[in-house]
Amino acid sequence: MADITYRIVEHDGGWAYKLGDVFSETFPTHDDALRAANAVAAEQKLPGETEPISYQDEAGRWHEEVAPGTERPDTVVVD
């Protein structure tokens, strides 16, 4: 199971949460960014539908799999 870590950081004159190299929108306060990150982290844990997926790997090969809706990542918010 994948782990997802959201980090609260200063960004563009305010605060944001960050996943890898990607920033959320900018929030005026640290607490606003923290609340938003906690909400997004909680959403990641909600089960979804089992769906077929297709994707292309780095070598250009296509793969087809079934993504179970119950396989959800572990999420963490680092303040």
N, C-alpha and C. Protein backbone atom coordinates (compact mmCIF):
# COMPACT_ATOMS: atom_id res chain seq x y z
N MET A 1 0.84 -1.17 0.00
CA MET A 1 0.00 0.00 0.00
C MET A 1 0.89 1.24 0.00
N ALA A 2 0.54 2.19 -0.80
CA ALA A 2 1.33 3.41 -0.92
C ALA A 2 1.09 4.33 0.27
N ASP A 3 2.11 5.06 0.65
CA ASP A 3 1.98 6.10 1.67
C ASP A 3 1.99 7.44 0.99
N ILE A 4 1.12 8.33 1.45
CA ILE A 4 1.05 9.68 0.91
C ILE A 4 1.31 10.64 2.07
N THR A 5 2.30 11.53 1.90
CA THR A 5 2.63 12.49 2.93
C THR A 5 2.41 13.90 2.41
N TYR A 6 1.53 14.62 3.05
CA TYR A 6 1.29 16.02 2.76
C TYR A 6 2.08 16.84 3.77
N ARG A 7 2.78 17.85 3.29
CA ARG A 7 3.58 18.71 4.18
C ARG A 7 3.04 20.13 4.13
N ILE A 8 2.95 20.77 5.28
CA ILE A 8 2.51 22.16 5.37
C ILE A 8 3.75 23.03 5.20
N VAL A 9 3.70 23.95 4.23
CA VAL A 9 4.86 24.80 3.92
C VAL A 9 4.42 26.22 3.63
N GLU A 10 5.34 27.17 3.81
CA GLU A 10 5.08 28.54 3.38
C GLU A 10 5.16 28.58 1.87
N HIS A 11 4.24 29.34 1.24
CA HIS A 11 4.20 29.35 -0.22
C HIS A 11 3.49 30.60 -0.71
N ASP A 12 4.12 31.32 -1.62
CA ASP A 12 3.53 32.50 -2.28
C ASP A 12 2.91 33.49 -1.30
N GLY A 13 3.62 33.79 -0.23
CA GLY A 13 3.14 34.77 0.73
C GLY A 13 2.08 34.26 1.68
N GLY A 14 1.87 32.96 1.70
CA GLY A 14 0.89 32.35 2.60
C GLY A 14 1.34 30.95 2.95
N TRP A 15 0.39 30.03 3.02
CA TRP A 15 0.67 28.66 3.40
C TRP A 15 0.00 27.70 2.43
N ALA A 16 0.60 26.54 2.25
CA ALA A 16 0.04 25.53 1.35
C ALA A 16 0.37 24.16 1.92
N TYR A 17 -0.28 23.15 1.37
CA TYR A 17 0.18 21.79 1.63
C TYR A 17 0.83 21.31 0.34
N LYS A 18 1.78 20.43 0.49
CA LYS A 18 2.60 19.99 -0.64
C LYS A 18 2.64 18.47 -0.66
N LEU A 19 2.51 17.89 -1.84
CA LEU A 19 2.66 16.46 -2.05
C LEU A 19 3.76 16.29 -3.08
N GLY A 20 4.90 15.76 -2.66
CA GLY A 20 6.04 15.69 -3.57
C GLY A 20 6.46 17.10 -3.95
N ASP A 21 6.48 17.38 -5.25
CA ASP A 21 6.86 18.72 -5.74
C ASP A 21 5.64 19.58 -6.08
N VAL A 22 4.45 19.11 -5.74
CA VAL A 22 3.22 19.80 -6.14
C VAL A 22 2.60 20.52 -4.94
N PHE A 23 2.31 21.82 -5.14
CA PHE A 23 1.71 22.64 -4.10
C PHE A 23 0.19 22.73 -4.29
N SER A 24 -0.51 22.84 -3.19
CA SER A 24 -1.94 23.16 -3.24
C SER A 24 -2.07 24.65 -3.55
N GLU A 25 -3.31 25.11 -3.57
CA GLU A 25 -3.51 26.56 -3.64
C GLU A 25 -2.94 27.17 -2.37
N THR A 26 -2.71 28.47 -2.39
CA THR A 26 -2.16 29.17 -1.23
C THR A 26 -3.30 29.57 -0.30
N PHE A 27 -3.10 29.34 0.99
CA PHE A 27 -4.07 29.70 2.02
C PHE A 27 -3.50 30.86 2.84
N PRO A 28 -4.37 31.72 3.36
CA PRO A 28 -3.87 32.88 4.10
C PRO A 28 -3.19 32.53 5.42
N THR A 29 -3.60 31.43 6.06
CA THR A 29 -3.01 31.09 7.35
C THR A 29 -2.53 29.64 7.36
N HIS A 30 -1.63 29.40 8.28
CA HIS A 30 -1.12 28.05 8.50
C HIS A 30 -2.26 27.11 8.87
N ASP A 31 -3.15 27.56 9.76
CA ASP A 31 -4.26 26.71 10.19
C ASP A 31 -5.20 26.36 9.04
N ASP A 32 -5.42 27.30 8.12
CA ASP A 32 -6.26 27.02 6.94
C ASP A 32 -5.62 25.92 6.08
N ALA A 33 -4.31 26.01 5.86
CA ALA A 33 -3.61 25.01 5.06
C ALA A 33 -3.63 23.65 5.76
N LEU A 34 -3.47 23.65 7.07
CA LEU A 34 -3.49 22.41 7.83
C LEU A 34 -4.87 21.75 7.77
N ARG A 35 -5.93 22.54 7.92
CA ARG A 35 -7.29 21.99 7.81
C ARG A 35 -7.53 21.40 6.43
N ALA A 36 -7.09 22.10 5.39
CA ALA A 36 -7.28 21.62 4.02
C ALA A 36 -6.50 20.32 3.79
N ALA A 37 -5.28 20.26 4.28
CA ALA A 37 -4.47 19.04 4.11
C ALA A 37 -5.10 17.87 4.84
N ASN A 38 -5.61 18.10 6.04
CA ASN A 38 -6.27 17.02 6.79
C ASN A 38 -7.52 16.54 6.06
N ALA A 39 -8.27 17.47 5.44
CA ALA A 39 -9.47 17.08 4.69
C ALA A 39 -9.10 16.24 3.47
N VAL A 40 -8.06 16.65 2.75
CA VAL A 40 -7.62 15.90 1.56
C VAL A 40 -7.09 14.52 1.97
N ALA A 41 -6.34 14.47 3.06
CA ALA A 41 -5.81 13.19 3.54
C ALA A 41 -6.95 12.25 3.92
N ALA A 42 -7.99 12.78 4.54
CA ALA A 42 -9.13 11.94 4.91
C ALA A 42 -9.86 11.44 3.67
N GLU A 43 -10.00 12.28 2.64
CA GLU A 43 -10.65 11.87 1.40
C GLU A 43 -9.91 10.73 0.71
N GLN A 44 -8.59 10.74 0.80
CA GLN A 44 -7.79 9.68 0.17
C GLN A 44 -8.11 8.31 0.75
N LYS A 45 -8.59 8.26 1.99
CA LYS A 45 -8.86 7.00 2.67
C LYS A 45 -10.24 6.43 2.36
N LEU A 46 -11.11 7.22 1.73
CA LEU A 46 -12.47 6.76 1.45
C LEU A 46 -12.45 5.69 0.35
N PRO A 47 -13.19 4.61 0.54
CA PRO A 47 -13.24 3.59 -0.50
C PRO A 47 -13.95 4.09 -1.74
N GLY A 48 -13.60 3.53 -2.86
CA GLY A 48 -14.22 3.89 -4.13
C GLY A 48 -14.75 2.65 -4.81
N GLU A 49 -14.94 2.75 -6.10
CA GLU A 49 -15.43 1.62 -6.89
C GLU A 49 -14.24 0.81 -7.42
N THR A 50 -14.42 -0.48 -7.55
CA THR A 50 -13.42 -1.30 -8.22
C THR A 50 -13.53 -1.02 -9.72
N GLU A 51 -12.42 -0.64 -10.33
CA GLU A 51 -12.42 -0.19 -11.73
C GLU A 51 -11.27 -0.83 -12.51
N PRO A 52 -11.50 -1.14 -13.78
CA PRO A 52 -10.37 -1.54 -14.63
C PRO A 52 -9.56 -0.30 -14.99
N ILE A 53 -8.24 -0.45 -15.02
CA ILE A 53 -7.37 0.66 -15.41
C ILE A 53 -6.40 0.20 -16.48
N SER A 54 -5.98 1.13 -17.33
CA SER A 54 -4.95 0.90 -18.34
C SER A 54 -3.90 1.97 -18.15
N TYR A 55 -2.64 1.57 -18.26
CA TYR A 55 -1.57 2.56 -18.17
C TYR A 55 -0.39 2.11 -19.01
N GLN A 56 0.42 3.10 -19.39
CA GLN A 56 1.61 2.85 -20.19
C GLN A 56 2.83 3.00 -19.31
N ASP A 57 3.74 2.03 -19.35
CA ASP A 57 4.95 2.12 -18.53
C ASP A 57 6.03 2.92 -19.26
N GLU A 58 7.18 3.06 -18.61
CA GLU A 58 8.28 3.87 -19.15
C GLU A 58 8.79 3.34 -20.49
N ALA A 59 8.65 2.04 -20.71
CA ALA A 59 9.12 1.42 -21.96
C ALA A 59 8.08 1.49 -23.08
N GLY A 60 6.93 2.09 -22.79
CA GLY A 60 5.90 2.23 -23.81
C GLY A 60 4.93 1.06 -23.89
N ARG A 61 5.06 0.10 -22.99
CA ARG A 61 4.13 -1.04 -22.97
C ARG A 61 2.87 -0.68 -22.21
N TRP A 62 1.74 -1.16 -22.72
CA TRP A 62 0.46 -0.92 -22.06
C TRP A 62 0.12 -2.08 -21.15
N HIS A 63 -0.49 -1.77 -20.02
CA HIS A 63 -0.89 -2.76 -19.03
C HIS A 63 -2.35 -2.52 -18.67
N GLU A 64 -3.05 -3.61 -18.39
CA GLU A 64 -4.43 -3.51 -17.91
C GLU A 64 -4.51 -4.25 -16.58
N GLU A 65 -5.11 -3.60 -15.60
CA GLU A 65 -5.27 -4.18 -14.27
C GLU A 65 -6.64 -3.81 -13.74
N VAL A 66 -6.96 -4.38 -12.61
CA VAL A 66 -8.17 -4.01 -11.89
C VAL A 66 -7.72 -3.33 -10.60
N ALA A 67 -8.22 -2.12 -10.38
CA ALA A 67 -7.90 -1.36 -9.17
C ALA A 67 -9.05 -1.52 -8.17
N PRO A 68 -8.82 -2.30 -7.11
CA PRO A 68 -9.87 -2.48 -6.11
C PRO A 68 -10.19 -1.17 -5.40
N GLY A 69 -11.43 -0.85 -5.27
CA GLY A 69 -11.84 0.39 -4.61
C GLY A 69 -11.53 0.42 -3.12
N THR A 70 -11.22 -0.74 -2.58
CA THR A 70 -10.91 -0.81 -1.15
C THR A 70 -9.43 -0.63 -0.86
N GLU A 71 -8.58 -0.63 -1.88
CA GLU A 71 -7.15 -0.41 -1.68
C GLU A 71 -6.87 1.07 -1.61
N ARG A 72 -6.74 1.59 -0.42
CA ARG A 72 -6.54 3.01 -0.21
C ARG A 72 -5.17 3.24 0.42
N PRO A 73 -4.52 4.34 0.12
CA PRO A 73 -3.20 4.61 0.69
C PRO A 73 -3.29 5.05 2.15
N ASP A 74 -2.17 4.88 2.84
CA ASP A 74 -2.04 5.48 4.17
C ASP A 74 -1.63 6.92 3.96
N THR A 75 -2.25 7.83 4.67
CA THR A 75 -1.96 9.26 4.51
C THR A 75 -1.47 9.84 5.82
N VAL A 76 -0.56 10.81 5.69
CA VAL A 76 0.01 11.51 6.84
C VAL A 76 0.10 12.98 6.50
N VAL A 77 -0.19 13.84 7.46
CA VAL A 77 0.03 15.28 7.30
C VAL A 77 1.15 15.67 8.25
N VAL A 78 2.22 16.22 7.70
CA VAL A 78 3.37 16.65 8.50
C VAL A 78 3.31 18.16 8.62
N ASP A 79 3.21 18.62 9.84
CA ASP A 79 3.08 20.06 10.11
C ASP A 79 4.43 20.64 10.45
